[in-house]
Amino acid sequence: MARAALGWTTQDLAREASVGANTINRFEAGQDARVSSVDKMRAALEAAGVEFIPQNGGGAGVRMRQP
């Protein structure tokens, strides 16, 4: 969802996070990923303006950070 909000392909996120595209694909398919890879993906998404919303009764989610 965060990647889609930015209009990024898996290759875009892989490049920005310095991880392999297969890592992105496996993670999005619900398979295991290294914590360090997940941290890199999250950092890349946050640097691009994505804000992660904690679970607050309606479930966790993402939104674009306000300017």
PDB file of N, CA and C in Angstrom:
ATOM      1  N   MET A   1       0.820  -1.189   0.000  1.00  0.00           N
ATOM      2  CA  MET A   1       0.000   0.000   0.000  1.00  0.00           C
ATOM      3  C   MET A   1       0.870   1.262   0.000  1.00  0.00           C
ATOM      4  N   ALA A   2       1.940   1.260   0.800  1.00  0.00           N
ATOM      5  CA  ALA A   2       2.815   2.429   0.846  1.00  0.00           C
ATOM      6  C   ALA A   2       3.517   2.625  -0.482  1.00  0.00           C
ATOM      7  N   ARG A   3       3.979   1.548  -1.071  1.00  0.00           N
ATOM      8  CA  ARG A   3       4.654   1.624  -2.359  1.00  0.00           C
ATOM      9  C   ARG A   3       3.701   2.152  -3.422  1.00  0.00           C
ATOM     10  N   ALA A   4       2.479   1.656  -3.404  1.00  0.00           N
ATOM     11  CA  ALA A   4       1.477   2.091  -4.375  1.00  0.00           C
ATOM     12  C   ALA A   4       1.141   3.574  -4.196  1.00  0.00           C
ATOM     13  N   ALA A   5       1.110   4.049  -2.965  1.00  0.00           N
ATOM     14  CA  ALA A   5       0.810   5.462  -2.710  1.00  0.00           C
ATOM     15  C   ALA A   5       1.849   6.376  -3.356  1.00  0.00           C
ATOM     16  N   LEU A   6       3.058   5.878  -3.480  1.00  0.00           N
ATOM     17  CA  LEU A   6       4.122   6.651  -4.109  1.00  0.00           C
ATOM     18  C   LEU A   6       4.179   6.442  -5.620  1.00  0.00           C
ATOM     19  N   GLY A   7       3.464   5.430  -6.099  1.00  0.00           N
ATOM     20  CA  GLY A   7       3.527   5.096  -7.512  1.00  0.00           C
ATOM     21  C   GLY A   7       4.815   4.387  -7.883  1.00  0.00           C
ATOM     22  N   TRP A   8       5.438   3.737  -6.892  1.00  0.00           N
ATOM     23  CA  TRP A   8       6.704   3.043  -7.100  1.00  0.00           C
ATOM     24  C   TRP A   8       6.486   1.611  -7.546  1.00  0.00           C
ATOM     25  N   THR A   9       7.364   1.143  -8.405  1.00  0.00           N
ATOM     26  CA  THR A   9       7.410  -0.277  -8.751  1.00  0.00           C
ATOM     27  C   THR A   9       8.252  -0.994  -7.702  1.00  0.00           C
ATOM     28  N   THR A  10       8.254  -2.308  -7.770  1.00  0.00           N
ATOM     29  CA  THR A  10       9.120  -3.059  -6.849  1.00  0.00           C
ATOM     30  C   THR A  10      10.579  -2.708  -7.095  1.00  0.00           C
ATOM     31  N   GLN A  11      10.934  -2.451  -8.353  1.00  0.00           N
ATOM     32  CA  GLN A  11      12.312  -2.077  -8.672  1.00  0.00           C
ATOM     33  C   GLN A  11      12.659  -0.710  -8.082  1.00  0.00           C
ATOM     34  N   ASP A  12      11.706   0.211  -8.070  1.00  0.00           N
ATOM     35  CA  ASP A  12      11.935   1.525  -7.467  1.00  0.00           C
ATOM     36  C   ASP A  12      12.240   1.392  -5.981  1.00  0.00           C
ATOM     37  N   LEU A  13      11.400   0.633  -5.284  1.00  0.00           N
ATOM     38  CA  LEU A  13      11.615   0.454  -3.843  1.00  0.00           C
ATOM     39  C   LEU A  13      12.919  -0.283  -3.584  1.00  0.00           C
ATOM     40  N   ALA A  14      13.199  -1.294  -4.363  1.00  0.00           N
ATOM     41  CA  ALA A  14      14.445  -2.042  -4.188  1.00  0.00           C
ATOM     42  C   ALA A  14      15.650  -1.116  -4.328  1.00  0.00           C
ATOM     43  N   ARG A  15      15.616  -0.255  -5.331  1.00  0.00           N
ATOM     44  CA  ARG A  15      16.723   0.683  -5.555  1.00  0.00           C
ATOM     45  C   ARG A  15      16.848   1.652  -4.378  1.00  0.00           C
ATOM     46  N   GLU A  16      15.732   2.244  -3.970  1.00  0.00           N
ATOM     47  CA  GLU A  16      15.759   3.244  -2.901  1.00  0.00           C
ATOM     48  C   GLU A  16      16.151   2.642  -1.551  1.00  0.00           C
ATOM     49  N   ALA A  17      15.807   1.374  -1.342  1.00  0.00           N
ATOM     50  CA  ALA A  17      16.096   0.715  -0.069  1.00  0.00           C
ATOM     51  C   ALA A  17      17.403  -0.079  -0.090  1.00  0.00           C
ATOM     52  N   SER A  18      18.024  -0.165  -1.257  1.00  0.00           N
ATOM     53  CA  SER A  18      19.258  -0.944  -1.412  1.00  0.00           C
ATOM     54  C   SER A  18      19.069  -2.408  -1.023  1.00  0.00           C
ATOM     55  N   VAL A  19      17.958  -2.972  -1.486  1.00  0.00           N
ATOM     56  CA  VAL A  19      17.698  -4.403  -1.313  1.00  0.00           C
ATOM     57  C   VAL A  19      17.315  -4.964  -2.679  1.00  0.00           C
ATOM     58  N   GLY A  20      17.284  -6.279  -2.799  1.00  0.00           N
ATOM     59  CA  GLY A  20      16.926  -6.897  -4.062  1.00  0.00           C
ATOM     60  C   GLY A  20      15.422  -6.845  -4.324  1.00  0.00           C
ATOM     61  N   ALA A  21      15.061  -6.808  -5.595  1.00  0.00           N
ATOM     62  CA  ALA A  21      13.642  -6.809  -5.960  1.00  0.00           C
ATOM     63  C   ALA A  21      12.963  -8.087  -5.485  1.00  0.00           C
ATOM     64  N   ASN A  22      13.683  -9.205  -5.472  1.00  0.00           N
ATOM     65  CA  ASN A  22      13.104 -10.457  -4.967  1.00  0.00           C
ATOM     66  C   ASN A  22      12.759 -10.346  -3.488  1.00  0.00           C
ATOM     67  N   THR A  23      13.548  -9.573  -2.737  1.00  0.00           N
ATOM     68  CA  THR A  23      13.251  -9.348  -1.317  1.00  0.00           C
ATOM     69  C   THR A  23      11.914  -8.626  -1.175  1.00  0.00           C
ATOM     70  N   ILE A  24      11.686  -7.626  -2.011  1.00  0.00           N
ATOM     71  CA  ILE A  24      10.419  -6.886  -1.988  1.00  0.00           C
ATOM     72  C   ILE A  24       9.270  -7.828  -2.320  1.00  0.00           C
ATOM     73  N   ASN A  25       9.430  -8.604  -3.378  1.00  0.00           N
ATOM     74  CA  ASN A  25       8.372  -9.528  -3.806  1.00  0.00           C
ATOM     75  C   ASN A  25       8.040 -10.549  -2.727  1.00  0.00           C
ATOM     76  N   ARG A  26       9.067 -11.117  -2.100  1.00  0.00           N
ATOM     77  CA  ARG A  26       8.826 -12.101  -1.036  1.00  0.00           C
ATOM     78  C   ARG A  26       8.107 -11.457   0.150  1.00  0.00           C
ATOM     79  N   PHE A  27       8.551 -10.275   0.547  1.00  0.00           N
ATOM     80  CA  PHE A  27       7.942  -9.588   1.680  1.00  0.00           C
ATOM     81  C   PHE A  27       6.476  -9.267   1.399  1.00  0.00           C
ATOM     82  N   GLU A  28       6.195  -8.752   0.213  1.00  0.00           N
ATOM     83  CA  GLU A  28       4.818  -8.401  -0.126  1.00  0.00           C
ATOM     84  C   GLU A  28       3.924  -9.630  -0.260  1.00  0.00           C
ATOM     85  N   ALA A  29       4.528 -10.787  -0.502  1.00  0.00           N
ATOM     86  CA  ALA A  29       3.766 -12.037  -0.583  1.00  0.00           C
ATOM     87  C   ALA A  29       3.571 -12.666   0.791  1.00  0.00           C
ATOM     88  N   GLY A  30       4.073 -11.999   1.830  1.00  0.00           N
ATOM     89  CA  GLY A  30       3.894 -12.499   3.191  1.00  0.00           C
ATOM     90  C   GLY A  30       4.944 -13.500   3.626  1.00  0.00           C
ATOM     91  N   GLN A  31       6.011 -13.614   2.863  1.00  0.00           N
ATOM     92  CA  GLN A  31       7.089 -14.533   3.228  1.00  0.00           C
ATOM     93  C   GLN A  31       8.086 -13.816   4.125  1.00  0.00           C
ATOM     94  N   ASP A  32       8.971 -14.604   4.704  1.00  0.00           N
ATOM     95  CA  ASP A  32       9.968 -14.048   5.620  1.00  0.00           C
ATOM     96  C   ASP A  32      10.926 -13.095   4.911  1.00  0.00           C
ATOM     97  N   ALA A  33      11.354 -12.090   5.654  1.00  0.00           N
ATOM     98  CA  ALA A  33      12.379 -11.163   5.188  1.00  0.00           C
ATOM     99  C   ALA A  33      13.245 -10.800   6.388  1.00  0.00           C
ATOM    100  N   ARG A  34      14.490 -10.524   6.127  1.00  0.00           N
ATOM    101  CA  ARG A  34      15.393 -10.112   7.207  1.00  0.00           C
ATOM    102  C   ARG A  34      14.910  -8.796   7.803  1.00  0.00           C
ATOM    103  N   VAL A  35      15.074  -8.681   9.106  1.00  0.00           N
ATOM    104  CA  VAL A  35      14.671  -7.457   9.799  1.00  0.00           C
ATOM    105  C   VAL A  35      15.416  -6.264   9.213  1.00  0.00           C
ATOM    106  N   SER A  36      16.687  -6.442   8.893  1.00  0.00           N
ATOM    107  CA  SER A  36      17.468  -5.336   8.332  1.00  0.00           C
ATOM    108  C   SER A  36      16.897  -4.887   6.990  1.00  0.00           C
ATOM    109  N   SER A  37      16.401  -5.821   6.183  1.00  0.00           N
ATOM    110  CA  SER A  37      15.796  -5.467   4.896  1.00  0.00           C
ATOM    111  C   SER A  37      14.486  -4.717   5.098  1.00  0.00           C
ATOM    112  N   VAL A  38      13.686  -5.175   6.049  1.00  0.00           N
ATOM    113  CA  VAL A  38      12.418  -4.498   6.344  1.00  0.00           C
ATOM    114  C   VAL A  38      12.694  -3.084   6.851  1.00  0.00           C
ATOM    115  N   ASP A  39      13.696  -2.944   7.696  1.00  0.00           N
ATOM    116  CA  ASP A  39      14.064  -1.616   8.199  1.00  0.00           C
ATOM    117  C   ASP A  39      14.488  -0.692   7.057  1.00  0.00           C
ATOM    118  N   LYS A  40      15.244  -1.215   6.097  1.00  0.00           N
ATOM    119  CA  LYS A  40      15.672  -0.411   4.950  1.00  0.00           C
ATOM    120  C   LYS A  40      14.480   0.002   4.089  1.00  0.00           C
ATOM    121  N   MET A  41      13.538  -0.927   3.887  1.00  0.00           N
ATOM    122  CA  MET A  41      12.352  -0.599   3.098  1.00  0.00           C
ATOM    123  C   MET A  41      11.541   0.490   3.784  1.00  0.00           C
ATOM    124  N   ARG A  42      11.333   0.337   5.080  1.00  0.00           N
ATOM    125  CA  ARG A  42      10.559   1.338   5.823  1.00  0.00           C
ATOM    126  C   ARG A  42      11.242   2.698   5.778  1.00  0.00           C
ATOM    127  N   ALA A  43      12.557   2.721   5.967  1.00  0.00           N
ATOM    128  CA  ALA A  43      13.294   3.985   5.940  1.00  0.00           C
ATOM    129  C   ALA A  43      13.181   4.664   4.575  1.00  0.00           C
ATOM    130  N   ALA A  44      13.256   3.894   3.506  1.00  0.00           N
ATOM    131  CA  ALA A  44      13.137   4.459   2.160  1.00  0.00           C
ATOM    132  C   ALA A  44      11.744   5.034   1.932  1.00  0.00           C
ATOM    133  N   LEU A  45      10.723   4.325   2.385  1.00  0.00           N
ATOM    134  CA  LEU A  45       9.350   4.803   2.228  1.00  0.00           C
ATOM    135  C   LEU A  45       9.112   6.065   3.053  1.00  0.00           C
ATOM    136  N   GLU A  46       9.618   6.075   4.277  1.00  0.00           N
ATOM    137  CA  GLU A  46       9.459   7.266   5.128  1.00  0.00           C
ATOM    138  C   GLU A  46      10.202   8.461   4.549  1.00  0.00           C
ATOM    139  N   ALA A  47      11.385   8.235   3.985  1.00  0.00           N
ATOM    140  CA  ALA A  47      12.151   9.323   3.378  1.00  0.00           C
ATOM    141  C   ALA A  47      11.411   9.915   2.178  1.00  0.00           C
ATOM    142  N   ALA A  48      10.585   9.101   1.543  1.00  0.00           N
ATOM    143  CA  ALA A  48       9.807   9.558   0.392  1.00  0.00           C
ATOM    144  C   ALA A  48       8.489  10.213   0.794  1.00  0.00           C
ATOM    145  N   GLY A  49       8.185  10.240   2.098  1.00  0.00           N
ATOM    146  CA  GLY A  49       6.989  10.937   2.567  1.00  0.00           C
ATOM    147  C   GLY A  49       5.867  10.079   3.099  1.00  0.00           C
ATOM    148  N   VAL A  50       6.094   8.779   3.216  1.00  0.00           N
ATOM    149  CA  VAL A  50       5.062   7.889   3.759  1.00  0.00           C
ATOM    150  C   VAL A  50       5.127   7.922   5.282  1.00  0.00           C
ATOM    151  N   GLU A  51       3.967   7.974   5.902  1.00  0.00           N
ATOM    152  CA  GLU A  51       3.862   7.926   7.366  1.00  0.00           C
ATOM    153  C   GLU A  51       3.122   6.653   7.743  1.00  0.00           C
ATOM    154  N   PHE A  52       3.726   5.858   8.598  1.00  0.00           N
ATOM    155  CA  PHE A  52       3.102   4.621   9.056  1.00  0.00           C
ATOM    156  C   PHE A  52       2.232   4.933  10.265  1.00  0.00           C
ATOM    157  N   ILE A  53       0.998   4.440  10.242  1.00  0.00           N
ATOM    158  CA  ILE A  53       0.021   4.699  11.290  1.00  0.00           C
ATOM    159  C   ILE A  53      -0.099   3.442  12.144  1.00  0.00           C
ATOM    160  N   PRO A  54       0.086   3.558  13.454  1.00  0.00           N
ATOM    161  CA  PRO A  54      -0.049   2.378  14.307  1.00  0.00           C
ATOM    162  C   PRO A  54      -1.498   1.904  14.373  1.00  0.00           C
ATOM    163  N   GLN A  55      -1.654   0.685  14.797  1.00  0.00           N
ATOM    164  CA  GLN A  55      -3.005   0.153  14.953  1.00  0.00           C
ATOM    165  C   GLN A  55      -3.734   0.973  16.005  1.00  0.00           C
ATOM    166  N   ASN A  56      -4.929   1.444  15.651  1.00  0.00           N
ATOM    167  CA  ASN A  56      -5.682   2.304  16.570  1.00  0.00           C
ATOM    168  C   ASN A  56      -7.152   1.916  16.616  1.00  0.00           C
ATOM    169  N   GLY A  57      -7.398   0.640  16.545  1.00  0.00           N
ATOM    170  CA  GLY A  57      -8.769   0.179  16.544  1.00  0.00           C
ATOM    171  C   GLY A  57      -9.254  -0.130  15.151  1.00  0.00           C
ATOM    172  N   GLY A  58      -8.748   0.588  14.155  1.00  0.00           N
ATOM    173  CA  GLY A  58      -9.134   0.349  12.776  1.00  0.00           C
ATOM    174  C   GLY A  58      -8.072  -0.394  11.998  1.00  0.00           C
ATOM    175  N   GLY A  59      -7.001  -0.758  12.658  1.00  0.00           N
ATOM    176  CA  GLY A  59      -5.916  -1.458  11.993  1.00  0.00           C
ATOM    177  C   GLY A  59      -4.807  -0.512  11.593  1.00  0.00           C
ATOM    178  N   ALA A  60      -3.638  -1.065  11.436  1.00  0.00           N
ATOM    179  CA  ALA A  60      -2.474  -0.282  11.027  1.00  0.00           C
ATOM    180  C   ALA A  60      -2.627   0.153   9.583  1.00  0.00           C
ATOM    181  N   GLY A  61      -1.923   1.204   9.191  1.00  0.00           N
ATOM    182  CA  GLY A  61      -2.021   1.678   7.818  1.00  0.00           C
ATOM    183  C   GLY A  61      -0.926   2.664   7.487  1.00  0.00           C
ATOM    184  N   VAL A  62      -1.084   3.309   6.347  1.00  0.00           N
ATOM    185  CA  VAL A  62      -0.125   4.330   5.911  1.00  0.00           C
ATOM    186  C   VAL A  62      -0.883   5.526   5.358  1.00  0.00           C
ATOM    187  N   ARG A  63      -0.195   6.647   5.334  1.00  0.00           N
ATOM    188  CA  ARG A  63      -0.722   7.844   4.678  1.00  0.00           C
ATOM    189  C   ARG A  63       0.487   8.678   4.284  1.00  0.00           C
ATOM    190  N   MET A  64       0.243   9.646   3.429  1.00  0.00           N
ATOM    191  CA  MET A  64       1.313  10.547   3.042  1.00  0.00           C
ATOM    192  C   MET A  64       1.453  11.630   4.109  1.00  0.00           C
ATOM    193  N   ARG A  65       2.691  11.913   4.470  1.00  0.00           N
ATOM    194  CA  ARG A  65       2.980  12.930   5.480  1.00  0.00           C
ATOM    195  C   ARG A  65       2.535  14.299   4.965  1.00  0.00           C
ATOM    196  N   GLN A  66       2.001  15.100   5.838  1.00  0.00           N
ATOM    197  CA  GLN A  66       1.565  16.450   5.493  1.00  0.00           C
ATOM    198  C   GLN A  66       2.793  17.330   5.300  1.00  0.00           C
ATOM    199  N   PRO A  67       2.766  18.221   4.310  1.00  0.00           N
ATOM    200  CA  PRO A  67       3.932  19.111   4.085  1.00  0.00           C
ATOM    201  C   PRO A  67       4.124  20.108   5.204  1.00  0.00           C
TER     202      PRO A  67
END
